[in-house]
Amino acid sequence: MSVADFIRSEVNSNEIVLFMKGTQAAPACGFSAQVVRILDHLGVTFKSHNIYESEELRQGIKDYSDWPTIPQLYVRGEFVGGCDIVTEMFQSGELQALFKKVPAQS
């Protein structure tokens, strides 16, 4: 499976996916930490991938989204954005509205 196929599979088979530096428990940069804090504050369940675990994934996610920075948030297969966009959407209430459309996960 190519890295693009892996990414496509992950974003399409999980409601919320965050590609980040580090892990949910230990983000490795302030931007990833900010997005994790927002998602945790909203109480949403999400899957994350540490881009430091694979150079192929690190570059692959940038190519997949045509977005140069990490973290990258996907909701229901759609790219939402990075830290700045997620933060702005949270502050405006758009992110909360988007997550209300996400079915509860068990």
N, C-alpha and C. Protein backbone atom coordinates (compact mmCIF):
# COMPACT_ATOMS: atom_id res chain seq x y z
N MET A 1 0.86 -1.19 0.00
CA MET A 1 0.00 0.00 0.00
C MET A 1 0.89 1.24 0.00
N SER A 2 0.61 2.15 -0.89
CA SER A 2 1.38 3.39 -0.94
C SER A 2 0.98 4.29 0.23
N VAL A 3 1.80 5.28 0.52
CA VAL A 3 1.48 6.21 1.61
C VAL A 3 0.21 6.99 1.28
N ALA A 4 0.00 7.33 0.02
CA ALA A 4 -1.23 8.05 -0.37
C ALA A 4 -2.45 7.16 -0.14
N ASP A 5 -2.33 5.87 -0.45
CA ASP A 5 -3.43 4.94 -0.21
C ASP A 5 -3.71 4.80 1.28
N PHE A 6 -2.64 4.75 2.09
CA PHE A 6 -2.80 4.66 3.54
C PHE A 6 -3.53 5.90 4.07
N ILE A 7 -3.09 7.07 3.66
CA ILE A 7 -3.71 8.32 4.12
C ILE A 7 -5.18 8.36 3.69
N ARG A 8 -5.44 8.05 2.44
CA ARG A 8 -6.81 8.04 1.92
C ARG A 8 -7.68 7.09 2.74
N SER A 9 -7.17 5.92 3.04
CA SER A 9 -7.90 4.95 3.85
C SER A 9 -8.18 5.49 5.24
N GLU A 10 -7.20 6.09 5.86
CA GLU A 10 -7.36 6.63 7.22
C GLU A 10 -8.38 7.76 7.27
N VAL A 11 -8.29 8.71 6.35
CA VAL A 11 -9.21 9.86 6.40
C VAL A 11 -10.63 9.47 6.00
N ASN A 12 -10.76 8.40 5.22
CA ASN A 12 -12.10 7.98 4.79
C ASN A 12 -12.74 6.95 5.72
N SER A 13 -11.95 6.29 6.57
CA SER A 13 -12.52 5.27 7.46
C SER A 13 -12.63 5.75 8.91
N ASN A 14 -12.22 6.97 9.19
CA ASN A 14 -12.32 7.54 10.54
C ASN A 14 -13.02 8.89 10.45
N GLU A 15 -13.90 9.16 11.38
CA GLU A 15 -14.65 10.42 11.35
C GLU A 15 -13.73 11.63 11.49
N ILE A 16 -12.79 11.55 12.44
CA ILE A 16 -11.89 12.68 12.71
C ILE A 16 -10.47 12.13 12.80
N VAL A 17 -9.56 12.68 11.99
CA VAL A 17 -8.17 12.24 11.98
C VAL A 17 -7.27 13.47 12.03
N LEU A 18 -6.27 13.40 12.91
CA LEU A 18 -5.29 14.47 13.03
C LEU A 18 -3.91 13.91 12.72
N PHE A 19 -3.27 14.46 11.72
CA PHE A 19 -1.87 14.16 11.44
C PHE A 19 -1.07 15.24 12.15
N MET A 20 -0.20 14.81 13.07
CA MET A 20 0.43 15.77 13.98
C MET A 20 1.88 15.39 14.26
N LYS A 21 2.58 16.32 14.89
CA LYS A 21 3.93 16.06 15.38
C LYS A 21 3.79 15.57 16.81
N GLY A 22 4.20 14.32 17.05
CA GLY A 22 4.07 13.74 18.36
C GLY A 22 2.77 12.96 18.48
N THR A 23 2.36 12.74 19.73
CA THR A 23 1.16 11.96 20.00
C THR A 23 0.14 12.81 20.75
N GLN A 24 -1.07 12.29 20.88
CA GLN A 24 -2.10 13.02 21.63
C GLN A 24 -1.64 13.28 23.05
N ALA A 25 -0.99 12.30 23.65
CA ALA A 25 -0.53 12.43 25.04
C ALA A 25 0.71 13.32 25.16
N ALA A 26 1.50 13.39 24.09
CA ALA A 26 2.73 14.17 24.13
C ALA A 26 2.99 14.84 22.78
N PRO A 27 2.24 15.91 22.49
CA PRO A 27 2.47 16.63 21.23
C PRO A 27 3.91 17.16 21.20
N ALA A 28 4.52 17.14 20.01
CA ALA A 28 5.92 17.53 19.89
C ALA A 28 6.12 18.94 19.36
N CYS A 29 5.03 19.69 19.21
CA CYS A 29 5.16 21.10 18.83
C CYS A 29 3.95 21.86 19.35
N GLY A 30 4.09 23.15 19.48
CA GLY A 30 3.01 23.97 20.02
C GLY A 30 1.76 23.97 19.16
N PHE A 31 1.93 23.89 17.84
CA PHE A 31 0.77 23.90 16.95
C PHE A 31 -0.05 22.63 17.09
N SER A 32 0.65 21.49 17.14
CA SER A 32 -0.05 20.22 17.35
C SER A 32 -0.72 20.22 18.73
N ALA A 33 -0.02 20.73 19.74
CA ALA A 33 -0.58 20.79 21.10
C ALA A 33 -1.85 21.64 21.13
N GLN A 34 -1.85 22.74 20.40
CA GLN A 34 -3.02 23.63 20.35
C GLN A 34 -4.24 22.91 19.77
N VAL A 35 -4.04 22.18 18.66
CA VAL A 35 -5.16 21.48 18.04
C VAL A 35 -5.66 20.36 18.96
N VAL A 36 -4.75 19.63 19.59
CA VAL A 36 -5.15 18.58 20.53
C VAL A 36 -5.95 19.19 21.69
N ARG A 37 -5.50 20.33 22.21
CA ARG A 37 -6.23 21.00 23.31
C ARG A 37 -7.65 21.36 22.87
N ILE A 38 -7.80 21.88 21.67
CA ILE A 38 -9.12 22.26 21.17
C ILE A 38 -10.01 21.02 21.04
N LEU A 39 -9.48 19.97 20.42
CA LEU A 39 -10.27 18.75 20.24
C LEU A 39 -10.64 18.13 21.59
N ASP A 40 -9.69 18.11 22.52
CA ASP A 40 -9.98 17.58 23.86
C ASP A 40 -11.03 18.44 24.57
N HIS A 41 -10.90 19.75 24.44
CA HIS A 41 -11.86 20.67 25.07
C HIS A 41 -13.28 20.41 24.54
N LEU A 42 -13.37 20.10 23.26
CA LEU A 42 -14.68 19.85 22.65
C LEU A 42 -15.17 18.43 22.92
N GLY A 43 -14.31 17.60 23.48
CA GLY A 43 -14.70 16.24 23.85
C GLY A 43 -14.93 15.31 22.68
N VAL A 44 -14.27 15.58 21.56
CA VAL A 44 -14.43 14.70 20.41
C VAL A 44 -13.39 13.59 20.45
N THR A 45 -13.79 12.42 19.96
CA THR A 45 -12.87 11.30 19.82
C THR A 45 -12.23 11.40 18.45
N PHE A 46 -10.90 11.29 18.41
CA PHE A 46 -10.23 11.39 17.13
C PHE A 46 -9.05 10.44 17.08
N LYS A 47 -8.69 10.07 15.88
CA LYS A 47 -7.51 9.25 15.66
C LYS A 47 -6.39 10.18 15.25
N SER A 48 -5.18 9.87 15.70
CA SER A 48 -4.05 10.70 15.31
C SER A 48 -2.92 9.83 14.79
N HIS A 49 -2.09 10.48 13.99
CA HIS A 49 -0.90 9.83 13.45
C HIS A 49 0.28 10.77 13.67
N ASN A 50 1.35 10.22 14.26
CA ASN A 50 2.58 10.96 14.51
C ASN A 50 3.42 10.93 13.24
N ILE A 51 3.56 12.08 12.59
CA ILE A 51 4.29 12.12 11.32
C ILE A 51 5.79 11.90 11.51
N TYR A 52 6.26 11.97 12.76
CA TYR A 52 7.67 11.69 13.03
C TYR A 52 8.00 10.21 12.94
N GLU A 53 6.98 9.36 12.93
CA GLU A 53 7.22 7.92 12.86
C GLU A 53 7.65 7.46 11.48
N SER A 54 7.42 8.29 10.46
CA SER A 54 7.76 7.90 9.10
C SER A 54 8.00 9.14 8.24
N GLU A 55 9.19 9.22 7.67
CA GLU A 55 9.49 10.32 6.76
C GLU A 55 8.55 10.27 5.55
N GLU A 56 8.21 9.06 5.13
CA GLU A 56 7.29 8.89 4.00
C GLU A 56 5.91 9.47 4.33
N LEU A 57 5.43 9.23 5.56
CA LEU A 57 4.15 9.80 5.98
C LEU A 57 4.26 11.32 6.13
N ARG A 58 5.38 11.78 6.68
CA ARG A 58 5.58 13.22 6.89
C ARG A 58 5.47 13.99 5.58
N GLN A 59 6.11 13.48 4.52
CA GLN A 59 6.02 14.14 3.23
C GLN A 59 4.70 13.80 2.53
N GLY A 60 4.25 12.56 2.71
CA GLY A 60 3.05 12.09 2.03
C GLY A 60 1.80 12.88 2.39
N ILE A 61 1.68 13.26 3.67
CA ILE A 61 0.48 14.01 4.08
C ILE A 61 0.50 15.41 3.47
N LYS A 62 1.68 15.98 3.34
CA LYS A 62 1.78 17.30 2.70
C LYS A 62 1.41 17.23 1.22
N ASP A 63 1.85 16.16 0.57
CA ASP A 63 1.51 15.97 -0.85
C ASP A 63 0.02 15.68 -1.01
N TYR A 64 -0.52 14.86 -0.12
CA TYR A 64 -1.93 14.45 -0.21
C TYR A 64 -2.86 15.66 -0.13
N SER A 65 -2.58 16.55 0.81
CA SER A 65 -3.45 17.71 1.04
C SER A 65 -3.04 18.94 0.23
N ASP A 66 -1.82 18.90 -0.31
CA ASP A 66 -1.24 20.08 -0.95
C ASP A 66 -1.19 21.24 0.05
N TRP A 67 -0.87 20.88 1.31
CA TRP A 67 -0.77 21.85 2.40
C TRP A 67 0.60 21.65 3.04
N PRO A 68 1.40 22.69 3.21
CA PRO A 68 2.81 22.51 3.58
C PRO A 68 3.10 22.27 5.07
N THR A 69 2.12 22.44 5.92
CA THR A 69 2.43 22.40 7.35
C THR A 69 1.66 21.30 8.08
N ILE A 70 2.17 20.98 9.26
CA ILE A 70 1.57 20.02 10.17
C ILE A 70 1.27 20.79 11.45
N PRO A 71 0.17 20.57 12.13
CA PRO A 71 -0.79 19.48 11.99
C PRO A 71 -1.80 19.71 10.87
N GLN A 72 -2.48 18.61 10.52
CA GLN A 72 -3.55 18.66 9.54
C GLN A 72 -4.74 17.88 10.09
N LEU A 73 -5.90 18.53 10.11
CA LEU A 73 -7.12 17.91 10.63
C LEU A 73 -8.05 17.56 9.47
N TYR A 74 -8.58 16.33 9.53
CA TYR A 74 -9.55 15.84 8.56
C TYR A 74 -10.82 15.43 9.29
N VAL A 75 -11.96 15.81 8.74
CA VAL A 75 -13.24 15.42 9.31
C VAL A 75 -14.08 14.82 8.18
N ARG A 76 -14.52 13.58 8.40
CA ARG A 76 -15.30 12.85 7.41
C ARG A 76 -14.66 12.87 6.02
N GLY A 77 -13.36 12.65 5.98
CA GLY A 77 -12.66 12.56 4.71
C GLY A 77 -12.25 13.87 4.09
N GLU A 78 -12.65 14.98 4.69
CA GLU A 78 -12.34 16.30 4.14
C GLU A 78 -11.26 17.00 4.96
N PHE A 79 -10.32 17.62 4.26
CA PHE A 79 -9.28 18.39 4.93
C PHE A 79 -9.89 19.66 5.49
N VAL A 80 -9.72 19.88 6.79
CA VAL A 80 -10.24 21.08 7.45
C VAL A 80 -9.18 22.18 7.45
N GLY A 81 -7.97 21.85 7.89
CA GLY A 81 -6.91 22.83 7.92
C GLY A 81 -5.89 22.52 8.98
N GLY A 82 -5.00 23.49 9.17
CA GLY A 82 -3.96 23.38 10.18
C GLY A 82 -4.34 24.14 11.44
N CYS A 83 -3.36 24.42 12.26
CA CYS A 83 -3.60 25.03 13.57
C CYS A 83 -4.34 26.36 13.48
N ASP A 84 -3.90 27.25 12.61
CA ASP A 84 -4.53 28.57 12.53
C ASP A 84 -6.00 28.46 12.13
N ILE A 85 -6.28 27.64 11.12
CA ILE A 85 -7.65 27.50 10.65
C ILE A 85 -8.52 26.84 11.71
N VAL A 86 -8.00 25.77 12.33
CA VAL A 86 -8.76 25.08 13.38
C VAL A 86 -9.04 26.04 14.54
N THR A 87 -8.06 26.82 14.93
CA THR A 87 -8.23 27.78 16.03
C THR A 87 -9.28 28.83 15.67
N GLU A 88 -9.20 29.38 14.46
CA GLU A 88 -10.19 30.38 14.03
C GLU A 88 -11.60 29.78 13.98
N MET A 89 -11.70 28.55 13.48
CA MET A 89 -13.01 27.89 13.41
C MET A 89 -13.56 27.63 14.81
N PHE A 90 -12.69 27.27 15.75
CA PHE A 90 -13.11 27.06 17.13
C PHE A 90 -13.61 28.37 17.73
N GLN A 91 -12.86 29.44 17.54
CA GLN A 91 -13.23 30.73 18.11
C GLN A 91 -14.53 31.27 17.54
N SER A 92 -14.83 30.96 16.28
CA SER A 92 -16.05 31.45 15.64
C SER A 92 -17.25 30.53 15.87
N GLY A 93 -16.99 29.31 16.37
CA GLY A 93 -18.06 28.34 16.58
C GLY A 93 -18.28 27.41 15.39
N GLU A 94 -17.56 27.64 14.29
CA GLU A 94 -17.71 26.79 13.10
C GLU A 94 -17.27 25.35 13.37
N LEU A 95 -16.21 25.18 14.15
CA LEU A 95 -15.70 23.84 14.42
C LEU A 95 -16.71 23.05 15.25
N GLN A 96 -17.31 23.70 16.25
CA GLN A 96 -18.32 23.04 17.07
C GLN A 96 -19.49 22.60 16.20
N ALA A 97 -19.91 23.46 15.27
CA ALA A 97 -21.02 23.11 14.37
C ALA A 97 -20.64 21.94 13.47
N LEU A 98 -19.41 21.92 13.01
CA LEU A 98 -18.94 20.82 12.17
C LEU A 98 -18.97 19.51 12.94
N PHE A 99 -18.54 19.54 14.19
CA PHE A 99 -18.50 18.31 14.98
C PHE A 99 -19.89 17.84 15.40
N LYS A 100 -20.86 18.73 15.46
CA LYS A 100 -22.22 18.30 15.79
C LYS A 100 -22.78 17.37 14.72
N LYS A 101 -22.19 17.46 13.51
CA LYS A 101 -22.62 16.61 12.42
C LYS A 101 -21.93 15.25 12.44
N VAL A 102 -20.92 15.08 13.31
CA VAL A 102 -20.18 13.83 13.40
C VAL A 102 -20.91 12.86 14.31
N PRO A 103 -21.21 11.66 13.84
CA PRO A 103 -21.88 10.68 14.70
C PRO A 103 -21.03 10.34 15.91
N ALA A 104 -21.67 10.01 17.01
CA ALA A 104 -20.95 9.61 18.22
C ALA A 104 -20.18 8.33 17.93
N GLN A 105 -18.97 8.28 18.47
CA GLN A 105 -18.13 7.10 18.29
C GLN A 105 -18.07 6.31 19.57
N SER A 106 -17.98 5.00 19.45
CA SER A 106 -17.89 4.17 20.64
C SER A 106 -16.48 3.72 20.89
